Amino acid sequence: MNRDRRLGKSMKAIKTARIIAVASQKGGVGKTATVTNMAVGLVSLGYKTAIIDMDAQGHIAFSFGVKKNNIKKTIYDVLIGKAKMSEIKQNAFGVDLYLANTSLNDLTSIVMAHYNDKRFPAPNYLLKNAIGQIKTLYDYILIDTSPSNDLQTMNSLLASTDIIIPALPEGLAIDGVYDTINLVKRIREQGARVNILGILPTMVQDYTNLHNVMLQNLRKSFAENPDVKVFDTVIKRAIRHGIAQSNGLPNIKNAPEYLSFVKEVFSIA
């Protein structure tokens, strides 16, 4: 009996979070909305969930109603070694938040400035090392990424176990899907174990011919690709989503399609 209890405690202790980056090389496709609503959806289902904002725009704070003057230290301070994750944690709507602001734009310059003195010996793995401080505390850690192929994005992808690619069904956004997939392929070639969970259609206006045709074409393109799935769930463009983000009041009851999406992700996970 005692041995079984010890074994149970040991197994529980080594459980670590699933780390999901929501990524696209194209901006304006609903990354932050997806991260925000996935997080509140996961919390509503009883999962301990955190968000790490790796976009210098800092829109996660805005989405959760956190005022800028309440952000003293950010993920940037953690990445450059001037803070611990516990020092920057905030909580809103049941989600633990590790926030960012424009200081994150300085990450590349500070890392390169110390390149010769080897202060940052593994610059692409700064976030992965930071997450090591908290990964046993959560079931899920979601990362909101930059839409650029920069140091922040590389850190986000290399720290993740899984990636979701949001896709607005329009030409440039679809092109961003392929750019993101190619980026993931390149980091896999470097030995990274990163799984693409799938492509999430977002901001869809199903009453327009353009979005219907583009969405059909997207599904056809990946229908025979075993490595990349287009999710069945479709996130439609809705005023209530914009209002929730603008007011900093995320509520999964006002975004039920995101809860459906979370459940779909679980079914393939």
Protein backbone atom coordinates (compact mmCIF):
# COMPACT_ATOMS: atom_id res chain seq x y z
CA MET A 1 0.00 0.00 0.00
CA ASN A 2 2.75 2.45 0.99
CA ARG A 3 4.69 1.59 -2.17
CA ASP A 4 1.59 2.27 -4.29
CA ARG A 5 1.08 5.63 -2.60
CA ARG A 6 4.71 6.60 -3.20
CA LEU A 7 4.43 5.53 -6.83
CA GLY A 8 1.24 7.57 -7.23
CA LYS A 9 2.88 10.65 -5.77
CA SER A 10 5.91 10.18 -8.02
CA MET A 11 3.79 9.85 -11.15
CA LYS A 12 1.81 12.96 -10.22
CA ALA A 13 4.99 14.95 -9.60
CA ILE A 14 6.39 14.41 -13.09
CA LYS A 15 3.25 15.49 -14.95
CA THR A 16 4.02 18.49 -17.14
CA ALA A 17 1.88 20.88 -19.14
CA ARG A 18 1.05 20.51 -22.76
CA ILE A 19 2.46 23.64 -24.38
CA ILE A 20 0.52 24.93 -27.38
CA ALA A 21 1.66 27.83 -29.53
CA VAL A 22 -0.95 29.57 -31.66
CA ALA A 23 1.16 30.70 -34.59
CA SER A 24 0.90 32.22 -38.03
CA GLN A 25 3.35 34.13 -40.19
CA LYS A 26 0.43 36.40 -41.10
CA GLY A 27 -0.98 38.93 -38.65
CA GLY A 28 -4.65 39.74 -38.18
CA VAL A 29 -5.89 36.15 -38.31
CA GLY A 30 -7.19 35.86 -34.74
CA LYS A 31 -4.21 34.44 -32.85
CA THR A 32 -4.86 36.43 -29.67
CA ALA A 33 -8.61 35.77 -29.76
CA THR A 34 -7.91 32.06 -30.19
CA VAL A 35 -5.45 31.96 -27.28
CA THR A 36 -7.77 33.99 -25.04
CA ASN A 37 -10.90 31.96 -25.71
CA MET A 38 -9.11 28.61 -25.63
CA ALA A 39 -7.74 29.51 -22.21
CA VAL A 40 -11.08 30.52 -20.68
CA GLY A 41 -12.62 27.46 -22.31
CA LEU A 42 -10.03 25.15 -20.77
CA VAL A 43 -10.54 26.77 -17.36
CA SER A 44 -14.30 26.27 -17.69
CA LEU A 45 -13.62 22.56 -18.20
CA GLY A 46 -11.51 22.39 -15.06
CA TYR A 47 -8.01 22.55 -16.49
CA LYS A 48 -5.25 24.60 -14.88
CA THR A 49 -4.23 26.93 -17.70
CA ALA A 50 -1.71 29.69 -18.35
CA ILE A 51 -0.96 32.06 -21.22
CA ILE A 52 2.46 33.37 -22.18
CA ASP A 53 2.39 36.43 -24.42
CA MET A 54 5.33 36.42 -26.85
CA ASP A 55 4.03 39.26 -29.00
CA ALA A 56 5.40 42.72 -28.20
CA GLN A 57 1.99 44.24 -28.97
CA GLY A 58 0.91 42.89 -25.58
CA HIS A 59 -2.68 42.25 -26.60
CA ILE A 60 -3.21 39.43 -24.10
CA ALA A 61 -3.22 41.99 -21.30
CA PHE A 62 -5.75 44.07 -23.22
CA SER A 63 -7.96 41.02 -23.82
CA PHE A 64 -8.06 40.21 -20.11
CA GLY A 65 -8.59 43.78 -18.95
CA VAL A 66 -5.15 44.12 -17.35
CA LYS A 67 -4.07 47.76 -17.31
CA LYS A 68 -0.61 48.61 -18.63
CA ASN A 69 0.38 50.43 -15.46
CA ASN A 70 -0.19 47.17 -13.55
CA ILE A 71 2.50 45.45 -15.59
CA LYS A 72 5.80 46.01 -13.79
CA LYS A 73 7.84 43.11 -15.15
CA THR A 74 7.15 41.04 -18.25
CA ILE A 75 8.25 37.90 -20.05
CA TYR A 76 11.09 39.99 -21.48
CA ASP A 77 12.58 40.39 -18.00
CA VAL A 78 12.41 36.62 -17.52
CA LEU A 79 14.05 35.88 -20.87
CA ILE A 80 17.00 38.17 -20.19
CA GLY A 81 17.46 36.73 -16.70
CA LYS A 82 16.22 39.66 -14.62
CA ALA A 83 13.08 38.03 -13.22
CA LYS A 84 11.54 34.66 -12.42
CA MET A 85 8.26 33.51 -13.92
CA SER A 86 6.65 33.67 -10.47
CA GLU A 87 7.50 37.39 -10.27
CA ILE A 88 5.58 38.33 -13.41
CA LYS A 89 2.49 36.13 -12.99
CA GLN A 90 -0.92 37.75 -12.97
CA ASN A 91 -4.33 36.12 -12.95
CA ALA A 92 -7.60 37.10 -14.60
CA PHE A 93 -10.75 35.08 -15.25
CA GLY A 94 -9.10 31.99 -13.79
CA VAL A 95 -6.15 32.10 -16.22
CA ASP A 96 -2.57 32.71 -15.11
CA LEU A 97 -0.98 35.33 -17.35
CA TYR A 98 2.69 35.89 -18.18
CA LEU A 99 2.43 39.15 -20.06
CA ALA A 100 4.44 41.12 -22.60
CA ASN A 101 4.78 44.70 -23.76
CA THR A 102 6.91 46.62 -26.25
CA SER A 103 10.09 45.84 -24.27
CA LEU A 104 10.00 42.43 -25.98
CA ASN A 105 11.09 44.20 -29.18
CA ASP A 106 14.51 44.62 -27.55
CA LEU A 107 15.09 40.88 -27.12
CA THR A 108 17.14 40.34 -30.27
CA SER A 109 19.35 43.38 -29.73
CA ILE A 110 20.13 42.50 -26.10
CA VAL A 111 20.91 38.89 -27.00
CA MET A 112 23.18 39.92 -29.87
CA ALA A 113 24.89 42.56 -27.73
CA HIS A 114 26.03 39.78 -25.40
CA TYR A 115 26.77 37.22 -28.10
CA ASN A 116 30.53 37.25 -27.56
CA ASP A 117 30.40 37.02 -23.77
CA LYS A 118 28.08 34.00 -24.03
CA ARG A 119 25.50 35.39 -21.63
CA PHE A 120 22.85 33.74 -23.79
CA PRO A 121 24.46 30.49 -25.00
CA ALA A 122 21.18 29.14 -26.44
CA PRO A 123 19.17 32.21 -27.58
CA ASN A 124 16.47 30.15 -29.32
CA TYR A 125 15.70 28.27 -26.10
CA LEU A 126 15.26 31.14 -23.65
CA LEU A 127 11.49 30.59 -23.42
CA LYS A 128 11.81 26.83 -23.12
CA ASN A 129 14.12 27.32 -20.16
CA ALA A 130 11.71 29.84 -18.60
CA ILE A 131 8.78 27.47 -18.99
CA GLY A 132 10.82 24.90 -17.12
CA GLN A 133 10.08 26.97 -14.01
CA ILE A 134 6.30 26.49 -14.31
CA LYS A 135 5.49 23.52 -16.56
CA THR A 136 4.57 21.22 -13.68
CA LEU A 137 2.00 23.74 -12.40
CA TYR A 138 -0.40 23.53 -15.35
CA ASP A 139 -2.32 21.21 -17.59
CA TYR A 140 -2.01 23.61 -20.53
CA ILE A 141 0.24 26.53 -21.36
CA LEU A 142 -0.82 28.55 -24.40
CA ILE A 143 1.57 30.87 -26.22
CA ASP A 144 0.47 33.89 -28.24
CA THR A 145 3.15 34.41 -30.87
CA SER A 146 4.53 37.19 -33.00
CA PRO A 147 3.48 37.13 -36.69
CA SER A 148 7.14 37.50 -37.70
CA ASN A 149 9.93 35.00 -38.18
CA ASP A 150 11.91 36.58 -35.35
CA LEU A 151 13.68 35.42 -32.19
CA GLN A 152 10.41 35.58 -30.24
CA THR A 153 8.69 33.26 -32.71
CA MET A 154 11.58 30.80 -32.80
CA ASN A 155 11.56 30.69 -29.00
CA SER A 156 7.79 30.12 -29.01
CA LEU A 157 7.89 27.24 -31.47
CA LEU A 158 10.91 25.54 -29.94
CA ALA A 159 9.31 25.72 -26.47
CA SER A 160 6.06 24.11 -27.65
CA THR A 161 4.84 20.56 -27.81
CA ASP A 162 2.07 21.48 -30.26
CA ILE A 163 1.12 24.23 -32.70
CA ILE A 164 -2.26 25.49 -33.88
CA ILE A 165 -2.34 27.63 -37.02
CA PRO A 166 -5.31 30.03 -37.29
CA ALA A 167 -6.29 30.85 -40.86
CA LEU A 168 -8.55 33.56 -42.22
CA PRO A 169 -9.86 32.11 -45.54
CA GLU A 170 -8.31 34.76 -47.77
CA GLY A 171 -5.30 34.70 -50.06
CA LEU A 172 -2.57 36.33 -47.96
CA ALA A 173 -3.65 34.55 -44.79
CA ILE A 174 -3.64 31.16 -46.53
CA ASP A 175 -0.15 31.94 -47.79
CA GLY A 176 0.78 32.56 -44.15
CA VAL A 177 -0.39 29.03 -43.31
CA TYR A 178 2.10 27.52 -45.74
CA ASP A 179 4.86 29.82 -44.49
CA THR A 180 4.18 28.66 -40.93
CA ILE A 181 4.17 24.98 -41.92
CA ASN A 182 7.48 25.44 -43.75
CA LEU A 183 8.96 27.16 -40.69
CA VAL A 184 7.89 24.23 -38.51
CA LYS A 185 9.45 21.81 -40.99
CA ARG A 186 12.75 23.71 -40.78
CA ILE A 187 12.88 23.55 -37.00
CA ARG A 188 11.98 19.85 -37.10
CA GLU A 189 15.02 19.32 -39.30
CA GLN A 190 17.05 20.78 -36.43
CA GLY A 191 15.74 18.03 -34.17
CA ALA A 192 12.79 19.84 -32.56
CA ARG A 193 9.79 17.68 -31.67
CA VAL A 194 6.91 19.94 -32.56
CA ASN A 195 3.51 18.61 -33.56
CA ILE A 196 1.12 20.61 -35.78
CA LEU A 197 -2.28 19.96 -34.20
CA GLY A 198 -4.03 21.56 -37.15
CA ILE A 199 -5.35 24.61 -38.96
CA LEU A 200 -8.24 26.53 -37.41
CA PRO A 201 -10.44 28.56 -39.80
CA THR A 202 -11.06 31.92 -38.13
CA MET A 203 -13.03 35.10 -38.76
CA VAL A 204 -15.05 33.26 -41.38
CA GLN A 205 -17.89 35.09 -43.14
CA ASP A 206 -19.77 32.10 -44.47
CA TYR A 207 -22.24 34.32 -46.30
CA THR A 208 -19.50 35.41 -48.73
CA ASN A 209 -18.54 33.38 -51.76
CA LEU A 210 -14.84 34.19 -51.27
CA HIS A 211 -14.64 32.67 -47.79
CA ASN A 212 -16.68 29.61 -48.77
CA VAL A 213 -14.52 28.88 -51.80
CA MET A 214 -11.25 29.53 -50.00
CA LEU A 215 -12.27 27.34 -47.06
CA GLN A 216 -13.26 24.50 -49.40
CA ASN A 217 -9.93 24.82 -51.22
CA LEU A 218 -8.05 24.81 -47.92
CA ARG A 219 -9.76 21.60 -46.84
CA LYS A 220 -9.06 19.96 -50.21
CA SER A 221 -5.40 20.96 -50.05
CA PHE A 222 -4.87 19.11 -46.78
CA ALA A 223 -7.42 16.31 -47.19
CA GLU A 224 -4.74 13.78 -48.10
CA ASN A 225 -2.01 15.17 -45.86
CA PRO A 226 -1.71 12.97 -42.76
CA ASP A 227 0.52 15.49 -40.99
CA VAL A 228 -1.77 18.53 -41.07
CA LYS A 229 -5.48 18.59 -40.23
CA VAL A 230 -7.98 21.36 -40.95
CA PHE A 231 -10.25 21.40 -37.91
CA ASP A 232 -13.97 20.81 -38.39
CA THR A 233 -14.76 23.71 -36.06
CA VAL A 234 -15.08 27.05 -37.83
CA ILE A 235 -14.77 30.33 -35.92
CA LYS A 236 -17.11 32.81 -37.56
CA ARG A 237 -16.57 36.55 -37.54
CA ALA A 238 -18.77 37.83 -34.71
CA ILE A 239 -19.24 41.25 -33.18
CA ARG A 240 -19.46 39.70 -29.71
CA HIS A 241 -15.87 38.46 -30.00
CA GLY A 242 -14.61 41.95 -30.74
CA ILE A 243 -16.67 43.48 -27.95
CA ALA A 244 -15.37 40.92 -25.43
CA GLN A 245 -11.75 41.67 -26.34
CA SER A 246 -12.28 45.41 -26.44
CA ASN A 247 -13.86 45.36 -22.98
CA GLY A 248 -11.32 42.91 -21.57
CA LEU A 249 -14.11 40.54 -20.53
CA PRO A 250 -13.51 37.10 -22.05
CA ASN A 251 -16.45 34.78 -21.48
CA ILE A 252 -16.67 31.36 -23.10
CA LYS A 253 -20.48 31.56 -22.98
CA ASN A 254 -20.20 34.33 -25.58
CA ALA A 255 -17.82 32.27 -27.71
CA PRO A 256 -19.29 28.74 -27.71
CA GLU A 257 -17.55 27.83 -30.99
CA TYR A 258 -14.21 28.14 -29.19
CA LEU A 259 -15.42 25.70 -26.53
CA SER A 260 -16.40 23.32 -29.36
CA PHE A 261 -12.92 23.80 -30.76
CA VAL A 262 -11.27 22.98 -27.44
CA LYS A 263 -13.27 19.76 -27.26
CA GLU A 264 -12.31 18.92 -30.83
CA VAL A 265 -8.64 19.42 -30.01
CA PHE A 266 -9.02 17.03 -27.09
CA SER A 267 -10.54 14.40 -29.34
CA ILE A 268 -7.48 14.33 -31.58
CA ALA A 269 -4.88 14.96 -28.90
